PDB file of N, CA and C in Angstrom:
ATOM      1  N   MET A   1      -2.239  27.822   6.076  1.00  0.00           N
ATOM      2  CA  MET A   1      -2.346  26.067   5.227  1.00  0.00           C
ATOM      3  C   MET A   1      -3.957  25.731   5.359  1.00  0.00           C
ATOM      4  N   ASN A   2      -4.609  25.269   4.630  1.00  0.00           N
ATOM      5  CA  ASN A   2      -5.514  24.770   5.571  1.00  0.00           C
ATOM      6  C   ASN A   2      -5.024  23.623   5.655  1.00  0.00           C
ATOM      7  N   LYS A   3      -5.569  22.400   6.575  1.00  0.00           N
ATOM      8  CA  LYS A   3      -5.633  21.381   7.332  1.00  0.00           C
ATOM      9  C   LYS A   3      -6.829  20.535   8.310  1.00  0.00           C
ATOM     10  N   VAL A   4      -6.550  19.455   8.501  1.00  0.00           N
ATOM     11  CA  VAL A   4      -7.431  18.618  10.209  1.00  0.00           C
ATOM     12  C   VAL A   4      -6.799  17.792  10.312  1.00  0.00           C
ATOM     13  N   VAL A   5      -6.813  17.554  11.296  1.00  0.00           N
ATOM     14  CA  VAL A   5      -6.546  17.244  12.415  1.00  0.00           C
ATOM     15  C   VAL A   5      -7.230  15.928  12.922  1.00  0.00           C
ATOM     16  N   GLY A   6      -7.301  14.637  13.530  1.00  0.00           N
ATOM     17  CA  GLY A   6      -7.745  13.667  13.987  1.00  0.00           C
ATOM     18  C   GLY A   6      -8.460  13.052  12.778  1.00  0.00           C
ATOM     19  N   THR A   7      -8.140  11.764  13.155  1.00  0.00           N
ATOM     20  CA  THR A   7      -9.113  10.340  12.074  1.00  0.00           C
ATOM     21  C   THR A   7     -10.189  10.859  11.177  1.00  0.00           C
ATOM     22  N   ASN A   8     -11.640  11.312  12.000  1.00  0.00           N
ATOM     23  CA  ASN A   8     -12.736  11.150  11.727  1.00  0.00           C
ATOM     24  C   ASN A   8     -12.823  12.501  10.790  1.00  0.00           C
ATOM     25  N   GLN A   9     -11.778  13.788  10.653  1.00  0.00           N
ATOM     26  CA  GLN A   9     -11.764  14.564   9.674  1.00  0.00           C
ATOM     27  C   GLN A   9     -11.308  14.658   8.624  1.00  0.00           C
ATOM     28  N   VAL A  10     -10.005  14.170   8.979  1.00  0.00           N
ATOM     29  CA  VAL A  10      -8.874  12.722   7.959  1.00  0.00           C
ATOM     30  C   VAL A  10      -9.793  12.550   6.860  1.00  0.00           C
ATOM     31  N   ARG A  11     -10.981  11.234   7.354  1.00  0.00           N
ATOM     32  CA  ARG A  11     -11.679  10.408   6.542  1.00  0.00           C
ATOM     33  C   ARG A  11     -11.999  11.058   5.799  1.00  0.00           C
ATOM     34  N   LYS A  12     -12.872  12.242   6.200  1.00  0.00           N
ATOM     35  CA  LYS A  12     -14.020  12.919   5.231  1.00  0.00           C
ATOM     36  C   LYS A  12     -13.455  13.735   4.574  1.00  0.00           C
ATOM     37  N   ALA A  13     -12.118  14.151   4.600  1.00  0.00           N
ATOM     38  CA  ALA A  13     -11.376  15.389   3.639  1.00  0.00           C
ATOM     39  C   ALA A  13     -11.329  13.756   2.537  1.00  0.00           C
ATOM     40  N   VAL A  14     -10.955  13.329   2.681  1.00  0.00           N
ATOM     41  CA  VAL A  14     -10.269  12.231   1.658  1.00  0.00           C
ATOM     42  C   VAL A  14     -11.611  11.645   1.040  1.00  0.00           C
ATOM     43  N   THR A  15     -11.930  11.223   1.788  1.00  0.00           N
ATOM     44  CA  THR A  15     -13.606  10.908   0.817  1.00  0.00           C
ATOM     45  C   THR A  15     -14.895  12.280  -0.188  1.00  0.00           C
ATOM     46  N   LYS A  16     -13.875  12.948   0.634  1.00  0.00           N
ATOM     47  CA  LYS A  16     -14.951  14.215  -0.697  1.00  0.00           C
ATOM     48  C   LYS A  16     -13.814  14.900  -1.189  1.00  0.00           C
ATOM     49  N   GLY A  17     -12.668  14.426  -1.194  1.00  0.00           N
ATOM     50  CA  GLY A  17     -11.424  14.714  -2.363  1.00  0.00           C
ATOM     51  C   GLY A  17     -10.839  16.026  -2.227  1.00  0.00           C
ATOM     52  N   LEU A  18     -11.250  15.893  -0.964  1.00  0.00           N
ATOM     53  CA  LEU A  18     -10.314  17.963  -0.175  1.00  0.00           C
ATOM     54  C   LEU A  18      -8.962  17.823   0.260  1.00  0.00           C
ATOM     55  N   ALA A  19      -8.231  16.354   0.169  1.00  0.00           N
ATOM     56  CA  ALA A  19      -6.491  16.487   1.185  1.00  0.00           C
ATOM     57  C   ALA A  19      -6.198  16.016  -0.164  1.00  0.00           C
ATOM     58  N   LYS A  20      -5.039  17.015  -0.079  1.00  0.00           N
ATOM     59  CA  LYS A  20      -3.733  16.418  -0.510  1.00  0.00           C
ATOM     60  C   LYS A  20      -3.118  15.601   0.089  1.00  0.00           C
ATOM     61  N   GLU A  21      -3.051  15.608   0.973  1.00  0.00           N
ATOM     62  CA  GLU A  21      -1.808  15.335   1.595  1.00  0.00           C
ATOM     63  C   GLU A  21      -2.106  14.001   3.098  1.00  0.00           C
ATOM     64  N   VAL A  22      -1.573  13.335   3.336  1.00  0.00           N
ATOM     65  CA  VAL A  22      -2.108  12.443   4.468  1.00  0.00           C
ATOM     66  C   VAL A  22      -1.121  12.591   5.705  1.00  0.00           C
ATOM     67  N   PHE A  23      -0.712  12.877   6.832  1.00  0.00           N
ATOM     68  CA  PHE A  23       0.172  12.675   7.343  1.00  0.00           C
ATOM     69  C   PHE A  23      -0.475  11.540   8.491  1.00  0.00           C
ATOM     70  N   ILE A  24       0.364  10.327   9.215  1.00  0.00           N
ATOM     71  CA  ILE A  24       0.038   9.712   9.665  1.00  0.00           C
ATOM     72  C   ILE A  24       1.125   9.042  10.704  1.00  0.00           C
ATOM     73  N   ALA A  25       1.388   8.974  12.218  1.00  0.00           N
ATOM     74  CA  ALA A  25       2.005   8.814  13.263  1.00  0.00           C
ATOM     75  C   ALA A  25       2.549   7.074  12.748  1.00  0.00           C
ATOM     76  N   GLU A  26       3.359   7.329  13.018  1.00  0.00           N
ATOM     77  CA  GLU A  26       3.931   6.189  12.857  1.00  0.00           C
ATOM     78  C   GLU A  26       3.468   4.703  14.222  1.00  0.00           C
ATOM     79  N   ASN A  27       3.367   5.247  15.297  1.00  0.00           N
ATOM     80  CA  ASN A  27       2.878   4.855  16.531  1.00  0.00           C
ATOM     81  C   ASN A  27       1.002   4.621  16.680  1.00  0.00           C
ATOM     82  N   THR A  28       0.608   4.865  15.751  1.00  0.00           N
ATOM     83  CA  THR A  28      -1.039   4.930  15.629  1.00  0.00           C
ATOM     84  C   THR A  28      -1.367   3.832  15.618  1.00  0.00           C
ATOM     85  N   ASP A  29      -2.621   3.124  16.104  1.00  0.00           N
ATOM     86  CA  ASP A  29      -3.379   1.676  16.366  1.00  0.00           C
ATOM     87  C   ASP A  29      -3.181   1.113  14.924  1.00  0.00           C
ATOM     88  N   ARG A  30      -2.201   0.176  15.105  1.00  0.00           N
ATOM     89  CA  ARG A  30      -2.479  -0.993  13.169  1.00  0.00           C
ATOM     90  C   ARG A  30      -3.632  -0.872  12.013  1.00  0.00           C
ATOM     91  N   PHE A  31      -4.685  -0.774  13.054  1.00  0.00           N
ATOM     92  CA  PHE A  31      -5.875  -1.441  12.409  1.00  0.00           C
ATOM     93  C   PHE A  31      -6.594  -0.276  12.008  1.00  0.00           C
ATOM     94  N   LEU A  32      -6.122   0.837  12.620  1.00  0.00           N
ATOM     95  CA  LEU A  32      -7.042   2.326  11.853  1.00  0.00           C
ATOM     96  C   LEU A  32      -5.396   3.412  11.273  1.00  0.00           C
ATOM     97  N   LYS A  33      -4.399   3.128  11.577  1.00  0.00           N
ATOM     98  CA  LYS A  33      -3.206   3.031   9.930  1.00  0.00           C
ATOM     99  C   LYS A  33      -3.390   2.018   8.980  1.00  0.00           C
ATOM    100  N   GLU A  34      -4.376   0.890   8.735  1.00  0.00           N
ATOM    101  CA  GLU A  34      -4.365   0.193   6.985  1.00  0.00           C
ATOM    102  C   GLU A  34      -5.623   0.710   6.257  1.00  0.00           C
ATOM    103  N   SER A  35      -6.520   0.617   7.492  1.00  0.00           N
ATOM    104  CA  SER A  35      -7.824   1.721   7.021  1.00  0.00           C
ATOM    105  C   SER A  35      -7.611   2.703   6.423  1.00  0.00           C
ATOM    106  N   LEU A  36      -6.911   3.461   6.734  1.00  0.00           N
ATOM    107  CA  LEU A  36      -6.667   4.805   6.520  1.00  0.00           C
ATOM    108  C   LEU A  36      -5.771   4.662   5.030  1.00  0.00           C
ATOM    109  N   VAL A  37      -4.648   4.133   5.276  1.00  0.00           N
ATOM    110  CA  VAL A  37      -3.871   4.123   4.110  1.00  0.00           C
ATOM    111  C   VAL A  37      -4.541   2.967   2.836  1.00  0.00           C
ATOM    112  N   ASP A  38      -5.687   2.721   3.427  1.00  0.00           N
ATOM    113  CA  ASP A  38      -6.307   1.591   2.047  1.00  0.00           C
ATOM    114  C   ASP A  38      -7.119   2.983   1.440  1.00  0.00           C
ATOM    115  N   LEU A  39      -8.067   3.614   2.236  1.00  0.00           N
ATOM    116  CA  LEU A  39      -8.657   4.740   1.825  1.00  0.00           C
ATOM    117  C   LEU A  39      -7.899   5.991   0.716  1.00  0.00           C
ATOM    118  N   CYS A  40      -7.151   6.652   1.122  1.00  0.00           N
ATOM    119  CA  CYS A  40      -5.829   7.093   0.338  1.00  0.00           C
ATOM    120  C   CYS A  40      -6.008   6.374  -0.495  1.00  0.00           C
ATOM    121  N   GLU A  41      -5.160   5.206  -0.870  1.00  0.00           N
ATOM    122  CA  GLU A  41      -4.568   5.028  -2.240  1.00  0.00           C
ATOM    123  C   GLU A  41      -5.940   4.719  -2.924  1.00  0.00           C
ATOM    124  N   LYS A  42      -7.071   4.377  -2.486  1.00  0.00           N
ATOM    125  CA  LYS A  42      -8.355   4.663  -3.080  1.00  0.00           C
ATOM    126  C   LYS A  42      -8.704   5.788  -3.977  1.00  0.00           C
ATOM    127  N   HIS A  43      -8.553   6.737  -3.314  1.00  0.00           N
ATOM    128  CA  HIS A  43      -8.330   8.115  -3.338  1.00  0.00           C
ATOM    129  C   HIS A  43      -7.451   8.610  -4.420  1.00  0.00           C
ATOM    130  N   LYS A  44      -6.083   8.201  -5.041  1.00  0.00           N
ATOM    131  CA  LYS A  44      -4.952   8.684  -4.768  1.00  0.00           C
ATOM    132  C   LYS A  44      -4.387   9.943  -3.851  1.00  0.00           C
ATOM    133  N   VAL A  45      -4.349   9.590  -3.237  1.00  0.00           N
ATOM    134  CA  VAL A  45      -3.855  10.525  -1.987  1.00  0.00           C
ATOM    135  C   VAL A  45      -2.425  10.200  -1.290  1.00  0.00           C
ATOM    136  N   GLU A  46      -1.556  11.345  -1.755  1.00  0.00           N
ATOM    137  CA  GLU A  46      -0.273  11.302  -1.146  1.00  0.00           C
ATOM    138  C   GLU A  46      -0.326  11.227   0.655  1.00  0.00           C
ATOM    139  N   ILE A  47       0.727  10.111   0.834  1.00  0.00           N
ATOM    140  CA  ILE A  47       0.523   9.399   3.002  1.00  0.00           C
ATOM    141  C   ILE A  47       2.328  10.035   3.276  1.00  0.00           C
ATOM    142  N   LYS A  48       2.385  10.766   3.994  1.00  0.00           N
ATOM    143  CA  LYS A  48       3.350  10.642   4.670  1.00  0.00           C
ATOM    144  C   LYS A  48       3.404  10.445   5.950  1.00  0.00           C
ATOM    145  N   TYR A  49       4.700   9.986   6.738  1.00  0.00           N
ATOM    146  CA  TYR A  49       4.662   8.805   7.784  1.00  0.00           C
ATOM    147  C   TYR A  49       5.338  10.217   9.014  1.00  0.00           C
ATOM    148  N   LEU A  50       5.022  10.270  10.034  1.00  0.00           N
ATOM    149  CA  LEU A  50       5.771  10.807  10.748  1.00  0.00           C
ATOM    150  C   LEU A  50       5.904   9.486  11.930  1.00  0.00           C
ATOM    151  N   ASP A  51       7.325  10.146  13.007  1.00  0.00           N
ATOM    152  CA  ASP A  51       7.620   9.160  14.292  1.00  0.00           C
ATOM    153  C   ASP A  51       6.682   9.229  14.720  1.00  0.00           C
ATOM    154  N   SER A  52       5.962   9.344  15.722  1.00  0.00           N
ATOM    155  CA  SER A  52       5.138   9.554  16.578  1.00  0.00           C
ATOM    156  C   SER A  52       4.183  10.667  16.557  1.00  0.00           C
ATOM    157  N   LYS A  53       3.012  10.468  17.614  1.00  0.00           N
ATOM    158  CA  LYS A  53       1.789  11.115  17.845  1.00  0.00           C
ATOM    159  C   LYS A  53       2.113  12.591  18.292  1.00  0.00           C
ATOM    160  N   LYS A  54       2.731  12.329  19.036  1.00  0.00           N
ATOM    161  CA  LYS A  54       3.908  13.923  19.512  1.00  0.00           C
ATOM    162  C   LYS A  54       3.947  14.913  18.683  1.00  0.00           C
ATOM    163  N   GLU A  55       5.314  14.418  17.877  1.00  0.00           N
ATOM    164  CA  GLU A  55       5.594  15.015  16.676  1.00  0.00           C
ATOM    165  C   GLU A  55       4.610  15.432  15.273  1.00  0.00           C
ATOM    166  N   LEU A  56       3.532  14.376  14.978  1.00  0.00           N
ATOM    167  CA  LEU A  56       2.411  14.605  14.303  1.00  0.00           C
ATOM    168  C   LEU A  56       1.541  16.031  14.775  1.00  0.00           C
ATOM    169  N   GLY A  57       1.782  16.178  16.316  1.00  0.00           N
ATOM    170  CA  GLY A  57       0.498  17.013  16.872  1.00  0.00           C
ATOM    171  C   GLY A  57       1.842  18.163  16.945  1.00  0.00           C
ATOM    172  N   LYS A  58       2.859  18.248  17.060  1.00  0.00           N
ATOM    173  CA  LYS A  58       3.610  19.362  17.206  1.00  0.00           C
ATOM    174  C   LYS A  58       3.931  20.174  16.089  1.00  0.00           C
ATOM    175  N   LEU A  59       4.038  19.018  14.501  1.00  0.00           N
ATOM    176  CA  LEU A  59       3.689  19.432  13.438  1.00  0.00           C
ATOM    177  C   LEU A  59       3.120  20.322  13.392  1.00  0.00           C
ATOM    178  N   PHE A  60       1.629  19.987  13.542  1.00  0.00           N
ATOM    179  CA  PHE A  60       0.404  20.562  13.246  1.00  0.00           C
ATOM    180  C   PHE A  60      -0.327  21.524  14.097  1.00  0.00           C
ATOM    181  N   GLY A  61       1.048  22.209  14.743  1.00  0.00           N
ATOM    182  CA  GLY A  61       0.560  23.082  16.166  1.00  0.00           C
ATOM    183  C   GLY A  61      -0.734  22.953  16.766  1.00  0.00           C
ATOM    184  N   ILE A  62      -1.343  21.758  17.469  1.00  0.00           N
ATOM    185  CA  ILE A  62      -2.275  21.391  18.564  1.00  0.00           C
ATOM    186  C   ILE A  62      -1.724  21.504  19.740  1.00  0.00           C
ATOM    187  N   GLY A  63      -0.755  21.005  20.046  1.00  0.00           N
ATOM    188  CA  GLY A  63      -0.586  20.974  21.546  1.00  0.00           C
ATOM    189  C   GLY A  63      -0.329  19.985  21.982  1.00  0.00           C
ATOM    190  N   ILE A  64      -1.270  19.166  21.419  1.00  0.00           N
ATOM    191  CA  ILE A  64      -1.593  17.324  22.032  1.00  0.00           C
ATOM    192  C   ILE A  64      -1.271  16.705  20.689  1.00  0.00           C
ATOM    193  N   ASN A  65      -1.339  15.088  20.744  1.00  0.00           N
ATOM    194  CA  ASN A  65      -0.632  13.916  20.171  1.00  0.00           C
ATOM    195  C   ASN A  65      -1.805  14.103  19.472  1.00  0.00           C
ATOM    196  N   ALA A  66      -1.500  13.406  18.086  1.00  0.00           N
ATOM    197  CA  ALA A  66      -2.333  13.529  16.805  1.00  0.00           C
ATOM    198  C   ALA A  66      -2.377  11.923  16.271  1.00  0.00           C
ATOM    199  N   ALA A  67      -2.778  11.361  15.737  1.00  0.00           N
ATOM    200  CA  ALA A  67      -2.830  10.137  15.016  1.00  0.00           C
ATOM    201  C   ALA A  67      -2.452  10.512  13.948  1.00  0.00           C
ATOM    202  N   THR A  68      -3.720  11.409  13.402  1.00  0.00           N
ATOM    203  CA  THR A  68      -3.684  11.714  11.643  1.00  0.00           C
ATOM    204  C   THR A  68      -3.829  12.790  11.462  1.00  0.00           C
ATOM    205  N   ALA A  69      -3.259  13.425  10.706  1.00  0.00           N
ATOM    206  CA  ALA A  69      -3.580  14.934   9.557  1.00  0.00           C
ATOM    207  C   ALA A  69      -4.232  15.287   7.998  1.00  0.00           C
ATOM    208  N   ALA A  70      -4.670  16.106   7.852  1.00  0.00           N
ATOM    209  CA  ALA A  70      -4.594  16.204   6.100  1.00  0.00           C
ATOM    210  C   ALA A  70      -4.151  17.548   5.798  1.00  0.00           C
ATOM    211  N   ILE A  71      -3.574  18.382   5.116  1.00  0.00           N
ATOM    212  CA  ILE A  71      -3.250  19.220   4.546  1.00  0.00           C
ATOM    213  C   ILE A  71      -4.503  19.540   3.140  1.00  0.00           C
ATOM    214  N   LEU A  72      -5.115  20.075   3.252  1.00  0.00           N
ATOM    215  CA  LEU A  72      -6.023  20.352   1.980  1.00  0.00           C
ATOM    216  C   LEU A  72      -5.912  21.219   1.223  1.00  0.00           C
ATOM    217  N   ILE A  73      -6.776  20.345  -0.066  1.00  0.00           N
ATOM    218  CA  ILE A  73      -6.500  21.613  -1.772  1.00  0.00           C
ATOM    219  C   ILE A  73      -6.863  23.317  -1.406  1.00  0.00           C
TER     220      ILE A  73
END
């Protein structure tokens, strides 16, 4: 599975049309969440929410907390 983790990497992937699905932790900063949701909606990328940054980091196997991640096409 090709993936990126981190807000900057996720934004780049969405903008370039490479993101299939974006994951956002619910406990992420509201402004960051809203801006990423707007970007995903603009580019018609599916969004899934996880309860926490810790859960998202664990799901993507990085061993640290993460606010956002994406699965690539």
